[in-house]
């Protein structure tokens, strides 16, 4: 008599494998969701910063006041007029699930003069730095600061 070993998996072994794969997949998907939210916040913060740099460079190059107007809807755009009404180029928008939590500039309008300096008139009285706070649905916050006189623009993760 020649006995052969049976090859294959038992039903229990197969079920245990499927359960383990399901647990690992669930953990991976939840991590992807969190990293996606963080990436969207970083992208939106970079878009805000690049619009501020663009307005500052445009003010210096054109020799006239330029700024960035922010709206509660999440839209923001570079403008050449001192009232922030007429966009120069296309508007930008915050990514989904990202919002402005606070903007410390008067009328949510940042203005740079022809020297690339932040106009004092767009800051609340006595302030030397204005800030734009962005947050996502999971509680992460970033801040973009613009400093009076120098016009320095800086991003900070909070």
C-alpha atoms as a PDB file:
ATOM      1  CA  UNK A   1       0.000   0.000   0.000  1.00  0.00           C
ATOM      2  CA  UNK A   2       1.280   3.356  -1.016  1.00  0.00           C
ATOM      3  CA  UNK A   3      -0.077   6.243   1.111  1.00  0.00           C
ATOM      4  CA  UNK A   4       0.060   9.695  -0.377  1.00  0.00           C
ATOM      5  CA  UNK A   5      -0.161  12.850   1.649  1.00  0.00           C
ATOM      6  CA  UNK A   6      -3.108  14.964   0.674  1.00  0.00           C
ATOM      7  CA  UNK A   7      -2.114  18.370  -0.594  1.00  0.00           C
ATOM      8  CA  UNK A   8      -4.154  21.525  -0.061  1.00  0.00           C
ATOM      9  CA  UNK A   9      -5.606  23.712   2.656  1.00  0.00           C
ATOM     10  CA  UNK A  10      -8.304  22.976   5.159  1.00  0.00           C
ATOM     11  CA  UNK A  11     -11.326  25.219   5.346  1.00  0.00           C
ATOM     12  CA  UNK A  12     -10.187  26.551   8.735  1.00  0.00           C
ATOM     13  CA  UNK A  13      -6.755  27.534   7.382  1.00  0.00           C
ATOM     14  CA  UNK A  14      -8.393  29.301   4.466  1.00  0.00           C
ATOM     15  CA  UNK A  15     -10.827  31.224   6.714  1.00  0.00           C
ATOM     16  CA  UNK A  16      -8.028  32.319   9.062  1.00  0.00           C
ATOM     17  CA  UNK A  17      -6.038  33.627   6.069  1.00  0.00           C
ATOM     18  CA  UNK A  18      -9.034  35.579   4.750  1.00  0.00           C
ATOM     19  CA  UNK A  19      -9.692  37.140   8.189  1.00  0.00           C
ATOM     20  CA  UNK A  20      -6.034  38.205   8.555  1.00  0.00           C
ATOM     21  CA  UNK A  21      -6.011  39.757   5.071  1.00  0.00           C
ATOM     22  CA  UNK A  22      -9.257  41.597   5.885  1.00  0.00           C
ATOM     23  CA  UNK A  23      -7.818  43.060   9.111  1.00  0.00           C
ATOM     24  CA  UNK A  24      -4.650  44.232   7.347  1.00  0.00           C
ATOM     25  CA  UNK A  25      -6.683  45.770   4.499  1.00  0.00           C
ATOM     26  CA  UNK A  26      -8.915  47.644   6.962  1.00  0.00           C
ATOM     27  CA  UNK A  27      -5.902  49.129   8.752  1.00  0.00           C
ATOM     28  CA  UNK A  28      -4.285  50.154   5.452  1.00  0.00           C
ATOM     29  CA  UNK A  29      -7.433  51.858   4.170  1.00  0.00           C
ATOM     30  CA  UNK A  30      -7.884  53.893   7.369  1.00  0.00           C
ATOM     31  CA  UNK A  31      -4.249  55.041   7.169  1.00  0.00           C
ATOM     32  CA  UNK A  32      -4.704  56.059   3.543  1.00  0.00           C
ATOM     33  CA  UNK A  33      -7.733  58.190   4.501  1.00  0.00           C
ATOM     34  CA  UNK A  34      -5.753  60.040   7.194  1.00  0.00           C
ATOM     35  CA  UNK A  35      -2.746  60.622   4.953  1.00  0.00           C
ATOM     36  CA  UNK A  36      -5.042  61.833   2.165  1.00  0.00           C
ATOM     37  CA  UNK A  37      -6.549  64.463   4.505  1.00  0.00           C
ATOM     38  CA  UNK A  38      -3.061  65.599   5.550  1.00  0.00           C
ATOM     39  CA  UNK A  39      -1.890  65.798   1.922  1.00  0.00           C
ATOM     40  CA  UNK A  40      -4.930  67.861   0.967  1.00  0.00           C
ATOM     41  CA  UNK A  41      -4.138  70.280   3.814  1.00  0.00           C
ATOM     42  CA  UNK A  42      -0.501  70.573   2.673  1.00  0.00           C
ATOM     43  CA  UNK A  43      -1.581  71.143  -0.924  1.00  0.00           C
ATOM     44  CA  UNK A  44      -4.088  73.856   0.026  1.00  0.00           C
ATOM     45  CA  UNK A  45      -1.526  75.563   2.278  1.00  0.00           C
ATOM     46  CA  UNK A  46       1.006  75.549  -0.567  1.00  0.00           C
ATOM     47  CA  UNK A  47      -1.602  77.032  -2.924  1.00  0.00           C
ATOM     48  CA  UNK A  48      -2.292  79.872  -0.477  1.00  0.00           C
ATOM     49  CA  UNK A  49       1.438  80.513  -0.036  1.00  0.00           C
ATOM     50  CA  UNK A  50       2.140  80.502  -3.778  1.00  0.00           C
ATOM     51  CA  UNK A  51      -0.704  82.991  -4.398  1.00  0.00           C
ATOM     52  CA  UNK A  52       0.785  85.294  -1.762  1.00  0.00           C
ATOM     53  CA  UNK A  53       4.240  85.036  -3.374  1.00  0.00           C
ATOM     54  CA  UNK A  54       2.713  85.698  -6.791  1.00  0.00           C
ATOM     55  CA  UNK A  55       0.952  88.841  -5.556  1.00  0.00           C
ATOM     56  CA  UNK A  56       4.126  90.066  -3.870  1.00  0.00           C
ATOM     57  CA  UNK A  57       6.239  89.515  -7.015  1.00  0.00           C
ATOM     58  CA  UNK A  58       3.567  91.124  -9.212  1.00  0.00           C
ATOM     59  CA  UNK A  59       3.505  94.206  -6.963  1.00  0.00           C
ATOM     60  CA  UNK A  60       7.298  94.589  -7.235  1.00  0.00           C
ATOM     61  CA  UNK A  61       7.462  93.856 -10.987  1.00  0.00           C
ATOM     62  CA  UNK A  62       4.523  96.085 -11.962  1.00  0.00           C
ATOM     63  CA  UNK A  63       5.338  98.839  -9.454  1.00  0.00           C
ATOM     64  CA  UNK A  64       1.810  98.964  -8.060  1.00  0.00           C
ATOM     65  CA  UNK A  65      -0.209  97.487  -5.223  1.00  0.00           C
ATOM     66  CA  UNK A  66      -1.248  93.847  -5.584  1.00  0.00           C
ATOM     67  CA  UNK A  67      -2.943  91.491  -3.193  1.00  0.00           C
ATOM     68  CA  UNK A  68      -4.787  88.263  -2.512  1.00  0.00           C
ATOM     69  CA  UNK A  69      -8.495  88.229  -1.683  1.00  0.00           C
ATOM     70  CA  UNK A  70      -9.831  85.308   0.372  1.00  0.00           C
ATOM     71  CA  UNK A  71     -13.509  84.331   0.436  1.00  0.00           C
ATOM     72  CA  UNK A  72     -15.410  82.215   2.975  1.00  0.00           C
ATOM     73  CA  UNK A  73     -16.331  79.777   0.198  1.00  0.00           C
ATOM     74  CA  UNK A  74     -12.679  78.675   0.029  1.00  0.00           C
ATOM     75  CA  UNK A  75     -11.916  80.679  -3.097  1.00  0.00           C
ATOM     76  CA  UNK A  76      -8.897  82.990  -3.243  1.00  0.00           C
ATOM     77  CA  UNK A  77      -7.267  84.965  -6.030  1.00  0.00           C
ATOM     78  CA  UNK A  78      -4.544  87.490  -6.848  1.00  0.00           C
ATOM     79  CA  UNK A  79      -5.840  90.980  -7.608  1.00  0.00           C
ATOM     80  CA  UNK A  80      -4.282  94.222  -8.869  1.00  0.00           C
ATOM     81  CA  UNK A  81      -6.852  96.636  -7.532  1.00  0.00           C
ATOM     82  CA  UNK A  82      -6.726  97.971  -3.972  1.00  0.00           C
ATOM     83  CA  UNK A  83     -10.238  96.719  -3.207  1.00  0.00           C
ATOM     84  CA  UNK A  84      -9.636  93.044  -4.059  1.00  0.00           C
ATOM     85  CA  UNK A  85     -12.465  92.914  -6.576  1.00  0.00           C
ATOM     86  CA  UNK A  86     -10.835  92.104  -9.923  1.00  0.00           C
ATOM     87  CA  UNK A  87      -8.919  88.801 -10.147  1.00  0.00           C
ATOM     88  CA  UNK A  88      -5.684  88.557 -12.129  1.00  0.00           C
ATOM     89  CA  UNK A  89      -5.701  85.114 -13.709  1.00  0.00           C
ATOM     90  CA  UNK A  90      -7.743  82.223 -12.420  1.00  0.00           C
ATOM     91  CA  UNK A  91      -9.118  81.792  -8.921  1.00  0.00           C
ATOM     92  CA  UNK A  92      -7.808  79.043  -6.662  1.00  0.00           C
ATOM     93  CA  UNK A  93      -9.938  76.912  -4.360  1.00  0.00           C
ATOM     94  CA  UNK A  94      -9.224  74.962  -1.190  1.00  0.00           C
ATOM     95  CA  UNK A  95      -9.368  71.176  -1.507  1.00  0.00           C
ATOM     96  CA  UNK A  96     -12.457  69.348  -0.254  1.00  0.00           C
ATOM     97  CA  UNK A  97     -12.592  68.976   3.532  1.00  0.00           C
ATOM     98  CA  UNK A  98     -10.205  71.966   3.969  1.00  0.00           C
ATOM     99  CA  UNK A  99     -11.414  75.346   5.213  1.00  0.00           C
ATOM    100  CA  UNK A 100     -10.165  78.694   6.464  1.00  0.00           C
ATOM    101  CA  UNK A 101     -10.592  78.559  10.226  1.00  0.00           C
ATOM    102  CA  UNK A 102      -9.380  82.124  10.777  1.00  0.00           C
ATOM    103  CA  UNK A 103      -7.876  84.964   8.762  1.00  0.00           C
ATOM    104  CA  UNK A 104      -6.499  87.892  10.767  1.00  0.00           C
ATOM    105  CA  UNK A 105      -6.287  90.320   7.820  1.00  0.00           C
ATOM    106  CA  UNK A 106      -8.890  93.077   7.542  1.00  0.00           C
ATOM    107  CA  UNK A 107     -11.613  92.099   5.053  1.00  0.00           C
ATOM    108  CA  UNK A 108      -9.678  88.859   4.383  1.00  0.00           C
ATOM    109  CA  UNK A 109      -7.527  90.852   1.948  1.00  0.00           C
ATOM    110  CA  UNK A 110      -3.703  90.813   1.904  1.00  0.00           C
ATOM    111  CA  UNK A 111      -2.060  93.751   0.097  1.00  0.00           C
ATOM    112  CA  UNK A 112       1.572  94.264  -0.935  1.00  0.00           C
ATOM    113  CA  UNK A 113       3.004  97.614  -2.056  1.00  0.00           C
ATOM    114  CA  UNK A 114       5.416  98.196  -4.940  1.00  0.00           C
ATOM    115  CA  UNK A 115       8.353  97.442  -2.600  1.00  0.00           C
ATOM    116  CA  UNK A 116       6.957  93.966  -1.801  1.00  0.00           C
ATOM    117  CA  UNK A 117       6.077  95.015   1.734  1.00  0.00           C
ATOM    118  CA  UNK A 118       2.831  94.101   3.445  1.00  0.00           C
ATOM    119  CA  UNK A 119       0.548  97.108   3.636  1.00  0.00           C
ATOM    120  CA  UNK A 120      -0.148  98.083   7.245  1.00  0.00           C
ATOM    121  CA  UNK A 121      -3.760  98.940   6.356  1.00  0.00           C
ATOM    122  CA  UNK A 122      -4.671  95.270   5.901  1.00  0.00           C
ATOM    123  CA  UNK A 123      -3.624  94.380   9.475  1.00  0.00           C
ATOM    124  CA  UNK A 124      -5.676  95.013  12.619  1.00  0.00           C
ATOM    125  CA  UNK A 125      -4.384  97.967  14.625  1.00  0.00           C
ATOM    126  CA  UNK A 126      -1.062  97.377  16.371  1.00  0.00           C
ATOM    127  CA  UNK A 127      -0.354  94.029  14.684  1.00  0.00           C
ATOM    128  CA  UNK A 128       2.882  93.330  12.803  1.00  0.00           C
ATOM    129  CA  UNK A 129       1.957  89.928  11.384  1.00  0.00           C
ATOM    130  CA  UNK A 130      -1.176  88.645   9.717  1.00  0.00           C
ATOM    131  CA  UNK A 131      -2.105  84.970   9.626  1.00  0.00           C
ATOM    132  CA  UNK A 132      -4.235  82.604   7.589  1.00  0.00           C
ATOM    133  CA  UNK A 133      -5.258  79.403   9.401  1.00  0.00           C
ATOM    134  CA  UNK A 134      -6.356  76.336   7.424  1.00  0.00           C
ATOM    135  CA  UNK A 135      -7.714  73.127   8.908  1.00  0.00           C
ATOM    136  CA  UNK A 136      -9.021  69.750   7.775  1.00  0.00           C
ATOM    137  CA  UNK A 137     -11.806  67.488   9.041  1.00  0.00           C
ATOM    138  CA  UNK A 138      -9.502  65.444  11.293  1.00  0.00           C
ATOM    139  CA  UNK A 139      -8.281  68.467  13.279  1.00  0.00           C
ATOM    140  CA  UNK A 140      -4.915  69.242  11.641  1.00  0.00           C
ATOM    141  CA  UNK A 141      -4.133  72.944  11.261  1.00  0.00           C
ATOM    142  CA  UNK A 142      -1.562  74.939   9.322  1.00  0.00           C
ATOM    143  CA  UNK A 143      -0.818  78.651   9.455  1.00  0.00           C
ATOM    144  CA  UNK A 144       0.561  81.009   6.818  1.00  0.00           C
ATOM    145  CA  UNK A 145       2.077  84.186   8.298  1.00  0.00           C
ATOM    146  CA  UNK A 146       2.856  87.405   6.429  1.00  0.00           C
ATOM    147  CA  UNK A 147       5.064  89.923   8.243  1.00  0.00           C
ATOM    148  CA  UNK A 148       4.634  93.695   8.024  1.00  0.00           C
ATOM    149  CA  UNK A 149       7.504  95.730   6.486  1.00  0.00           C
ATOM    150  CA  UNK A 150       9.484  92.744   5.123  1.00  0.00           C
ATOM    151  CA  UNK A 151       6.517  90.967   3.525  1.00  0.00           C
ATOM    152  CA  UNK A 152       8.000  87.640   4.636  1.00  0.00           C
ATOM    153  CA  UNK A 153       5.681  84.684   4.010  1.00  0.00           C
ATOM    154  CA  UNK A 154       6.048  81.565   6.167  1.00  0.00           C
ATOM    155  CA  UNK A 155       4.120  78.280   6.554  1.00  0.00           C
ATOM    156  CA  UNK A 156       3.820  76.547   9.922  1.00  0.00           C
ATOM    157  CA  UNK A 157       2.210  73.213  10.858  1.00  0.00           C
ATOM    158  CA  UNK A 158       0.385  73.458  14.169  1.00  0.00           C
END
